[in-house]
Structures are given as structure tokens and as C-alpha cells.
Amino acid sequence: MLQNSENKEQRGIIPDKYFCIGEASRITHLPPYILRFWETQFKELRPQKSRGGHRRYQKKDVELVLWIKNLLYEKKFTINGARKELRNRQRKDWLDPLIIKKELQETLQILE
């Protein structure tokens, strides 16, 4: 488990920390406008907002963005297909780093 925490810290995902949209953008390698658009398309993606209306992404939000990115960009799901996939999976399953790692490895094998 410690290794998982170290990997996330190396990627910039620190548990119990809030990220502004710029930080979330940097971690996920997605422009902020994509993150804002995905909020309108995926009801599961709802970062908190500060009193000033600024988005505050938590670790779980960043992980969800990475999962959505994988579905759309790697697995070539449509937005509707990604929505259905998110609904079909239980929250704990699709946020499990081991499952995400396994699916990313399968994707790499396909690409090789």
C-alpha cells in the first residue's frame, strides 16, 4: 500500500489535498476547458467549489478524470458509452488503482 501512495505522490496526486483546476489540468495532462466540459457530461465528476466559486478537485476527482480519460482516449468510448461504463461499475471498482493499472497494461499490450 505504501508503494501506491508513493506512486501517486510522484505523479502529483497527494491524498487529502485539494487541487485548483490548473493543478488538476497539469496532473491529468488535459486542458482546463476539457475538465469543465466533462463536469457537464459526467454527473459523477463534481469537484467542490470554494466560496469564490473556484473548483477544488480532491484526489478522488483527479482519479475519476484519469479514468474518464482512459475510457475516452485509450479505449475509444464515446461520451455516452463512457457514461454507461461508469454507471455499470461500482465506485470502488473503477477508482481502484490496481484495476486501472491492469487495464492500462492491457491497453499497452494491444498497442505493442
N, C-alpha and C. Protein backbone atom coordinates (compact mmCIF):
# COMPACT_ATOMS: atom_id res chain seq x y z
N MET A 1 0.83 -1.20 0.00
CA MET A 1 0.00 0.00 0.00
C MET A 1 0.87 1.26 0.00
N LEU A 2 1.99 1.20 0.70
CA LEU A 2 2.88 2.34 0.75
C LEU A 2 3.39 2.68 -0.65
N GLN A 3 3.66 1.64 -1.44
CA GLN A 3 4.16 1.87 -2.79
C GLN A 3 3.12 2.64 -3.61
N ASN A 4 1.85 2.31 -3.46
CA ASN A 4 0.78 3.03 -4.16
C ASN A 4 0.79 4.50 -3.80
N SER A 5 0.93 4.81 -2.51
CA SER A 5 0.95 6.20 -2.07
C SER A 5 2.15 6.93 -2.65
N GLU A 6 3.30 6.25 -2.67
CA GLU A 6 4.49 6.87 -3.23
C GLU A 6 4.30 7.16 -4.71
N ASN A 7 3.70 6.22 -5.46
CA ASN A 7 3.47 6.43 -6.88
C ASN A 7 2.56 7.62 -7.12
N LYS A 8 1.52 7.75 -6.34
CA LYS A 8 0.58 8.86 -6.51
C LYS A 8 1.24 10.18 -6.18
N GLU A 9 2.06 10.19 -5.14
CA GLU A 9 2.76 11.42 -4.79
C GLU A 9 3.74 11.81 -5.89
N GLN A 10 4.36 10.83 -6.50
CA GLN A 10 5.28 11.12 -7.60
C GLN A 10 4.53 11.70 -8.78
N ARG A 11 3.30 11.26 -9.03
CA ARG A 11 2.50 11.78 -10.14
C ARG A 11 1.86 13.11 -9.77
N GLY A 12 1.94 13.50 -8.52
CA GLY A 12 1.35 14.76 -8.10
C GLY A 12 0.00 14.63 -7.43
N ILE A 13 -0.44 13.40 -7.18
CA ILE A 13 -1.73 13.19 -6.51
C ILE A 13 -1.43 12.91 -5.05
N ILE A 14 -1.65 13.88 -4.20
CA ILE A 14 -1.37 13.75 -2.78
C ILE A 14 -2.69 13.58 -2.05
N PRO A 15 -2.82 12.49 -1.26
CA PRO A 15 -4.07 12.28 -0.53
C PRO A 15 -4.41 13.47 0.37
N ASP A 16 -5.69 13.73 0.55
CA ASP A 16 -6.19 14.78 1.45
C ASP A 16 -5.73 16.18 1.05
N LYS A 17 -5.56 16.42 -0.21
CA LYS A 17 -5.18 17.74 -0.69
C LYS A 17 -6.19 18.17 -1.74
N TYR A 18 -6.43 19.45 -1.80
CA TYR A 18 -7.30 19.99 -2.83
C TYR A 18 -6.44 20.59 -3.94
N PHE A 19 -6.91 20.43 -5.16
CA PHE A 19 -6.19 20.95 -6.31
C PHE A 19 -7.07 21.96 -7.03
N CYS A 20 -6.48 23.07 -7.45
CA CYS A 20 -7.22 24.01 -8.30
C CYS A 20 -7.29 23.39 -9.69
N ILE A 21 -8.08 23.96 -10.57
CA ILE A 21 -8.26 23.38 -11.89
C ILE A 21 -6.94 23.34 -12.67
N GLY A 22 -6.08 24.32 -12.43
CA GLY A 22 -4.78 24.33 -13.10
C GLY A 22 -3.90 23.16 -12.69
N GLU A 23 -3.92 22.85 -11.38
CA GLU A 23 -3.15 21.71 -10.89
C GLU A 23 -3.73 20.40 -11.41
N ALA A 24 -5.05 20.28 -11.39
CA ALA A 24 -5.70 19.07 -11.91
C ALA A 24 -5.39 18.91 -13.39
N SER A 25 -5.36 20.02 -14.11
CA SER A 25 -5.03 20.01 -15.53
C SER A 25 -3.60 19.50 -15.74
N ARG A 26 -2.68 19.97 -14.93
CA ARG A 26 -1.28 19.56 -15.05
C ARG A 26 -1.11 18.07 -14.75
N ILE A 27 -1.78 17.59 -13.70
CA ILE A 27 -1.66 16.19 -13.30
C ILE A 27 -2.24 15.27 -14.37
N THR A 28 -3.37 15.64 -14.94
CA THR A 28 -4.06 14.77 -15.89
C THR A 28 -3.63 15.00 -17.34
N HIS A 29 -2.85 16.06 -17.57
CA HIS A 29 -2.42 16.42 -18.93
C HIS A 29 -3.63 16.71 -19.83
N LEU A 30 -4.60 17.39 -19.26
CA LEU A 30 -5.79 17.81 -20.00
C LEU A 30 -5.98 19.31 -19.80
N PRO A 31 -6.42 20.02 -20.83
CA PRO A 31 -6.67 21.46 -20.64
C PRO A 31 -7.86 21.70 -19.72
N PRO A 32 -7.86 22.82 -19.00
CA PRO A 32 -8.96 23.12 -18.07
C PRO A 32 -10.33 23.11 -18.73
N TYR A 33 -10.43 23.54 -20.00
CA TYR A 33 -11.74 23.56 -20.64
C TYR A 33 -12.31 22.15 -20.80
N ILE A 34 -11.45 21.16 -20.96
CA ILE A 34 -11.91 19.77 -21.05
C ILE A 34 -12.47 19.33 -19.69
N LEU A 35 -11.77 19.67 -18.63
CA LEU A 35 -12.24 19.31 -17.28
C LEU A 35 -13.61 19.95 -17.02
N ARG A 36 -13.75 21.21 -17.38
CA ARG A 36 -15.05 21.88 -17.18
C ARG A 36 -16.14 21.25 -18.04
N PHE A 37 -15.81 20.89 -19.29
CA PHE A 37 -16.79 20.25 -20.16
C PHE A 37 -17.21 18.90 -19.60
N TRP A 38 -16.23 18.11 -19.14
CA TRP A 38 -16.57 16.80 -18.60
C TRP A 38 -17.47 16.90 -17.38
N GLU A 39 -17.36 17.98 -16.61
CA GLU A 39 -18.28 18.18 -15.47
C GLU A 39 -19.73 18.25 -15.95
N THR A 40 -19.93 18.80 -17.14
CA THR A 40 -21.30 18.90 -17.67
C THR A 40 -21.78 17.57 -18.24
N GLN A 41 -20.85 16.69 -18.58
CA GLN A 41 -21.21 15.43 -19.23
C GLN A 41 -21.28 14.23 -18.29
N PHE A 42 -20.54 14.29 -17.19
CA PHE A 42 -20.47 13.17 -16.26
C PHE A 42 -20.91 13.63 -14.88
N LYS A 43 -22.07 13.14 -14.44
CA LYS A 43 -22.61 13.59 -13.15
C LYS A 43 -21.73 13.15 -11.98
N GLU A 44 -20.91 12.12 -12.19
CA GLU A 44 -20.02 11.66 -11.12
C GLU A 44 -18.89 12.65 -10.85
N LEU A 45 -18.57 13.47 -11.82
CA LEU A 45 -17.48 14.43 -11.69
C LEU A 45 -18.04 15.76 -11.21
N ARG A 46 -17.97 15.99 -9.93
CA ARG A 46 -18.47 17.23 -9.33
C ARG A 46 -17.48 17.73 -8.29
N PRO A 47 -16.42 18.43 -8.71
CA PRO A 47 -15.49 18.95 -7.70
C PRO A 47 -16.18 19.99 -6.82
N GLN A 48 -15.72 20.09 -5.60
CA GLN A 48 -16.27 21.10 -4.70
C GLN A 48 -15.90 22.47 -5.24
N LYS A 49 -16.63 23.47 -4.79
CA LYS A 49 -16.29 24.84 -5.16
C LYS A 49 -16.05 25.65 -3.89
N SER A 50 -15.07 26.52 -3.98
CA SER A 50 -14.76 27.39 -2.84
C SER A 50 -15.82 28.49 -2.75
N ARG A 51 -15.74 29.28 -1.72
CA ARG A 51 -16.70 30.39 -1.58
C ARG A 51 -16.64 31.32 -2.77
N GLY A 52 -15.47 31.45 -3.37
CA GLY A 52 -15.29 32.32 -4.53
C GLY A 52 -15.70 31.66 -5.83
N GLY A 53 -16.15 30.40 -5.77
CA GLY A 53 -16.60 29.70 -6.96
C GLY A 53 -15.49 28.95 -7.70
N HIS A 54 -14.30 28.87 -7.11
CA HIS A 54 -13.19 28.15 -7.74
C HIS A 54 -13.34 26.65 -7.49
N ARG A 55 -13.05 25.87 -8.51
CA ARG A 55 -13.14 24.41 -8.38
C ARG A 55 -12.02 23.91 -7.47
N ARG A 56 -12.38 22.93 -6.62
CA ARG A 56 -11.43 22.31 -5.71
C ARG A 56 -11.51 20.80 -5.92
N TYR A 57 -10.58 20.29 -6.70
CA TYR A 57 -10.55 18.87 -7.00
C TYR A 57 -9.87 18.11 -5.87
N GLN A 58 -10.49 17.02 -5.45
CA GLN A 58 -9.89 16.13 -4.47
C GLN A 58 -9.21 14.99 -5.21
N LYS A 59 -8.49 14.17 -4.48
CA LYS A 59 -7.81 13.02 -5.06
C LYS A 59 -8.79 12.16 -5.86
N LYS A 60 -9.96 11.90 -5.30
CA LYS A 60 -10.95 11.05 -5.98
C LYS A 60 -11.42 11.68 -7.29
N ASP A 61 -11.51 13.00 -7.33
CA ASP A 61 -11.92 13.68 -8.55
C ASP A 61 -10.85 13.53 -9.64
N VAL A 62 -9.59 13.68 -9.25
CA VAL A 62 -8.49 13.54 -10.21
C VAL A 62 -8.42 12.11 -10.73
N GLU A 63 -8.61 11.14 -9.84
CA GLU A 63 -8.61 9.74 -10.27
C GLU A 63 -9.77 9.46 -11.23
N LEU A 64 -10.91 10.06 -10.96
CA LEU A 64 -12.06 9.90 -11.86
C LEU A 64 -11.76 10.51 -13.23
N VAL A 65 -11.14 11.67 -13.25
CA VAL A 65 -10.76 12.29 -14.53
C VAL A 65 -9.82 11.37 -15.30
N LEU A 66 -8.86 10.77 -14.61
CA LEU A 66 -7.93 9.86 -15.27
C LEU A 66 -8.66 8.63 -15.82
N TRP A 67 -9.65 8.16 -15.09
CA TRP A 67 -10.44 7.02 -15.56
C TRP A 67 -11.25 7.40 -16.80
N ILE A 68 -11.90 8.54 -16.76
CA ILE A 68 -12.67 9.02 -17.92
C ILE A 68 -11.74 9.20 -19.11
N LYS A 69 -10.58 9.77 -18.86
CA LYS A 69 -9.60 9.97 -19.94
C LYS A 69 -9.23 8.63 -20.56
N ASN A 70 -9.01 7.63 -19.74
CA ASN A 70 -8.69 6.30 -20.23
C ASN A 70 -9.82 5.74 -21.10
N LEU A 71 -11.04 5.89 -20.63
CA LEU A 71 -12.19 5.39 -21.40
C LEU A 71 -12.30 6.08 -22.75
N LEU A 72 -12.17 7.41 -22.75
CA LEU A 72 -12.36 8.17 -23.98
C LEU A 72 -11.17 8.10 -24.93
N TYR A 73 -9.98 8.24 -24.40
CA TYR A 73 -8.80 8.37 -25.27
C TYR A 73 -8.12 7.04 -25.58
N GLU A 74 -8.09 6.13 -24.61
CA GLU A 74 -7.40 4.86 -24.83
C GLU A 74 -8.35 3.78 -25.34
N LYS A 75 -9.50 3.67 -24.69
CA LYS A 75 -10.45 2.63 -25.08
C LYS A 75 -11.41 3.08 -26.17
N LYS A 76 -11.34 4.36 -26.52
CA LYS A 76 -12.12 4.94 -27.63
C LYS A 76 -13.64 4.86 -27.42
N PHE A 77 -14.07 4.99 -26.16
CA PHE A 77 -15.50 5.06 -25.87
C PHE A 77 -16.03 6.41 -26.34
N THR A 78 -17.30 6.45 -26.69
CA THR A 78 -17.96 7.74 -26.88
C THR A 78 -18.30 8.28 -25.50
N ILE A 79 -18.74 9.52 -25.44
CA ILE A 79 -19.13 10.08 -24.14
C ILE A 79 -20.30 9.28 -23.56
N ASN A 80 -21.27 8.95 -24.40
CA ASN A 80 -22.40 8.14 -23.92
C ASN A 80 -21.94 6.77 -23.44
N GLY A 81 -21.03 6.16 -24.18
CA GLY A 81 -20.51 4.86 -23.79
C GLY A 81 -19.74 4.93 -22.48
N ALA A 82 -18.97 6.00 -22.31
CA ALA A 82 -18.21 6.18 -21.06
C ALA A 82 -19.18 6.38 -19.89
N ARG A 83 -20.25 7.14 -20.12
CA ARG A 83 -21.26 7.33 -19.06
C ARG A 83 -21.83 5.99 -18.63
N LYS A 84 -22.19 5.15 -19.61
CA LYS A 84 -22.77 3.83 -19.30
C LYS A 84 -21.76 2.97 -18.55
N GLU A 85 -20.50 3.01 -18.99
CA GLU A 85 -19.46 2.23 -18.32
C GLU A 85 -19.30 2.67 -16.87
N LEU A 86 -19.33 3.96 -16.62
CA LEU A 86 -19.21 4.46 -15.25
C LEU A 86 -20.40 4.00 -14.40
N ARG A 87 -21.58 4.02 -15.00
CA ARG A 87 -22.77 3.58 -14.26
C ARG A 87 -22.72 2.09 -13.96
N ASN A 88 -22.16 1.31 -14.88
CA ASN A 88 -22.13 -0.15 -14.73
C ASN A 88 -21.14 -0.62 -13.68
N ARG A 89 -20.17 0.18 -13.39
CA ARG A 89 -19.14 -0.21 -12.41
C ARG A 89 -19.46 0.41 -11.05
N GLN A 90 -19.15 -0.34 -10.04
CA GLN A 90 -19.32 0.22 -8.70
C GLN A 90 -18.19 1.19 -8.44
N ARG A 91 -18.47 2.24 -7.71
CA ARG A 91 -17.49 3.30 -7.48
C ARG A 91 -16.15 2.77 -6.98
N LYS A 92 -16.17 1.86 -6.05
CA LYS A 92 -14.90 1.38 -5.51
C LYS A 92 -14.09 0.62 -6.55
N ASP A 93 -14.77 -0.02 -7.49
CA ASP A 93 -14.06 -0.78 -8.52
C ASP A 93 -13.33 0.13 -9.48
N TRP A 94 -14.00 1.17 -10.00
CA TRP A 94 -13.33 1.97 -11.02
C TRP A 94 -12.38 3.00 -10.45
N LEU A 95 -12.35 3.15 -9.15
CA LEU A 95 -11.34 4.02 -8.55
C LEU A 95 -10.16 3.22 -7.99
N ASP A 96 -10.27 1.90 -8.06
CA ASP A 96 -9.20 1.05 -7.54
C ASP A 96 -7.98 1.15 -8.44
N PRO A 97 -6.87 1.65 -7.91
CA PRO A 97 -5.66 1.82 -8.74
C PRO A 97 -5.16 0.52 -9.37
N LEU A 98 -5.37 -0.62 -8.69
CA LEU A 98 -4.91 -1.88 -9.26
C LEU A 98 -5.69 -2.24 -10.52
N ILE A 99 -6.98 -1.96 -10.52
CA ILE A 99 -7.80 -2.23 -11.71
C ILE A 99 -7.40 -1.29 -12.83
N ILE A 100 -7.19 -0.02 -12.52
CA ILE A 100 -6.78 0.95 -13.53
C ILE A 100 -5.43 0.53 -14.10
N LYS A 101 -4.49 0.14 -13.24
CA LYS A 101 -3.16 -0.29 -13.70
C LYS A 101 -3.28 -1.49 -14.63
N LYS A 102 -4.10 -2.47 -14.26
CA LYS A 102 -4.28 -3.67 -15.08
C LYS A 102 -4.84 -3.30 -16.46
N GLU A 103 -5.83 -2.43 -16.49
CA GLU A 103 -6.44 -2.04 -17.76
C GLU A 103 -5.46 -1.24 -18.61
N LEU A 104 -4.64 -0.40 -17.98
CA LEU A 104 -3.64 0.33 -18.73
C LEU A 104 -2.58 -0.61 -19.31
N GLN A 105 -2.20 -1.64 -18.55
CA GLN A 105 -1.25 -2.63 -19.05
C GLN A 105 -1.83 -3.38 -20.23
N GLU A 106 -3.12 -3.74 -20.16
CA GLU A 106 -3.77 -4.42 -21.28
C GLU A 106 -3.78 -3.52 -22.52
N THR A 107 -4.03 -2.23 -22.31
CA THR A 107 -4.02 -1.29 -23.42
C THR A 107 -2.63 -1.21 -24.04
N LEU A 108 -1.59 -1.17 -23.21
CA LEU A 108 -0.22 -1.12 -23.72
C LEU A 108 0.12 -2.37 -24.53
N GLN A 109 -0.36 -3.53 -24.07
CA GLN A 109 -0.10 -4.76 -24.81
C GLN A 109 -0.77 -4.73 -26.19
N ILE A 110 -1.94 -4.16 -26.26
CA ILE A 110 -2.64 -4.04 -27.54
C ILE A 110 -1.88 -3.13 -28.48
N LEU A 111 -1.32 -2.04 -27.95
CA LEU A 111 -0.61 -1.07 -28.76
C LEU A 111 0.75 -1.58 -29.23
N GLU A 112 1.32 -2.55 -28.54
CA GLU A 112 2.66 -3.04 -28.91
C GLU A 112 2.63 -3.94 -30.10
